[in-house]
């Protein structure tokens, strides 16, 4: 199950990086995209920090 979560985070991060490149800087959804990118980065960091303690 952890591998599915990891795949989801990696794909979502790639999508949001692409969206940030393509979107108009004045688009109203820009803050939401930036917030989601930060949430995914935090989730990935938590996934890896938990894994390192459990080994």
C-alpha atoms as a PDB file:
ATOM      1  CA  UNK A   1       0.000   0.000   0.000  1.00  0.00           C
ATOM      2  CA  UNK A   2       2.887   2.366   0.717  1.00  0.00           C
ATOM      3  CA  UNK A   3       4.169   1.942  -2.825  1.00  0.00           C
ATOM      4  CA  UNK A   4       0.784   3.069  -4.187  1.00  0.00           C
ATOM      5  CA  UNK A   5       0.901   6.161  -1.993  1.00  0.00           C
ATOM      6  CA  UNK A   6       4.425   6.865  -3.166  1.00  0.00           C
ATOM      7  CA  UNK A   7       3.433   6.488  -6.830  1.00  0.00           C
ATOM      8  CA  UNK A   8       0.493   8.826  -6.272  1.00  0.00           C
ATOM      9  CA  UNK A   9       2.690  11.478  -4.676  1.00  0.00           C
ATOM     10  CA  UNK A  10       5.340  11.271  -7.403  1.00  0.00           C
ATOM     11  CA  UNK A  11       2.809  11.481 -10.240  1.00  0.00           C
ATOM     12  CA  UNK A  12       0.892  14.303  -8.581  1.00  0.00           C
ATOM     13  CA  UNK A  13       4.090  16.275  -7.966  1.00  0.00           C
ATOM     14  CA  UNK A  14       5.071  15.871 -11.609  1.00  0.00           C
ATOM     15  CA  UNK A  15       1.615  17.036 -12.700  1.00  0.00           C
ATOM     16  CA  UNK A  16       1.712  20.136 -10.504  1.00  0.00           C
ATOM     17  CA  UNK A  17       5.246  20.998 -11.677  1.00  0.00           C
ATOM     18  CA  UNK A  18       3.961  20.814 -15.250  1.00  0.00           C
ATOM     19  CA  UNK A  19       0.909  22.908 -14.338  1.00  0.00           C
ATOM     20  CA  UNK A  20       3.123  25.590 -12.772  1.00  0.00           C
ATOM     21  CA  UNK A  21       5.142  25.821 -15.994  1.00  0.00           C
ATOM     22  CA  UNK A  22       2.050  26.078 -18.186  1.00  0.00           C
ATOM     23  CA  UNK A  23      -0.289  28.253 -16.138  1.00  0.00           C
ATOM     24  CA  UNK A  24      -0.596  32.010 -16.424  1.00  0.00           C
ATOM     25  CA  UNK A  25       1.028  33.599 -13.326  1.00  0.00           C
ATOM     26  CA  UNK A  26      -2.149  35.632 -12.757  1.00  0.00           C
ATOM     27  CA  UNK A  27      -4.513  32.634 -12.882  1.00  0.00           C
ATOM     28  CA  UNK A  28      -6.831  32.504  -9.837  1.00  0.00           C
ATOM     29  CA  UNK A  29      -5.990  28.829  -9.122  1.00  0.00           C
ATOM     30  CA  UNK A  30      -2.271  29.497  -8.725  1.00  0.00           C
ATOM     31  CA  UNK A  31      -2.354  29.765  -4.895  1.00  0.00           C
ATOM     32  CA  UNK A  32      -4.306  26.499  -4.714  1.00  0.00           C
ATOM     33  CA  UNK A  33      -1.746  24.744  -6.908  1.00  0.00           C
ATOM     34  CA  UNK A  34       1.125  26.071  -4.820  1.00  0.00           C
ATOM     35  CA  UNK A  35      -0.604  24.926  -1.625  1.00  0.00           C
ATOM     36  CA  UNK A  36      -1.181  21.452  -3.071  1.00  0.00           C
ATOM     37  CA  UNK A  37       2.478  21.224  -4.118  1.00  0.00           C
ATOM     38  CA  UNK A  38       3.528  22.030  -0.555  1.00  0.00           C
ATOM     39  CA  UNK A  39       1.107  19.460   0.866  1.00  0.00           C
ATOM     40  CA  UNK A  40       2.518  16.781  -1.447  1.00  0.00           C
ATOM     41  CA  UNK A  41       6.092  17.702  -0.538  1.00  0.00           C
ATOM     42  CA  UNK A  42       5.224  17.435   3.162  1.00  0.00           C
ATOM     43  CA  UNK A  43       3.501  14.092   2.586  1.00  0.00           C
ATOM     44  CA  UNK A  44       6.533  12.728   0.722  1.00  0.00           C
ATOM     45  CA  UNK A  45       8.834  13.935   3.491  1.00  0.00           C
ATOM     46  CA  UNK A  46       6.665  12.244   6.146  1.00  0.00           C
ATOM     47  CA  UNK A  47       6.595   9.012   4.144  1.00  0.00           C
ATOM     48  CA  UNK A  48      10.371   8.890   3.906  1.00  0.00           C
ATOM     49  CA  UNK A  49      11.026   9.975   7.496  1.00  0.00           C
ATOM     50  CA  UNK A  50       8.681   7.286   8.866  1.00  0.00           C
ATOM     51  CA  UNK A  51      10.312   4.671   6.664  1.00  0.00           C
ATOM     52  CA  UNK A  52      13.814   5.515   7.899  1.00  0.00           C
ATOM     53  CA  UNK A  53      12.791   5.080  11.556  1.00  0.00           C
ATOM     54  CA  UNK A  54      11.025   1.773  10.963  1.00  0.00           C
ATOM     55  CA  UNK A  55      14.051   0.049   9.414  1.00  0.00           C
END
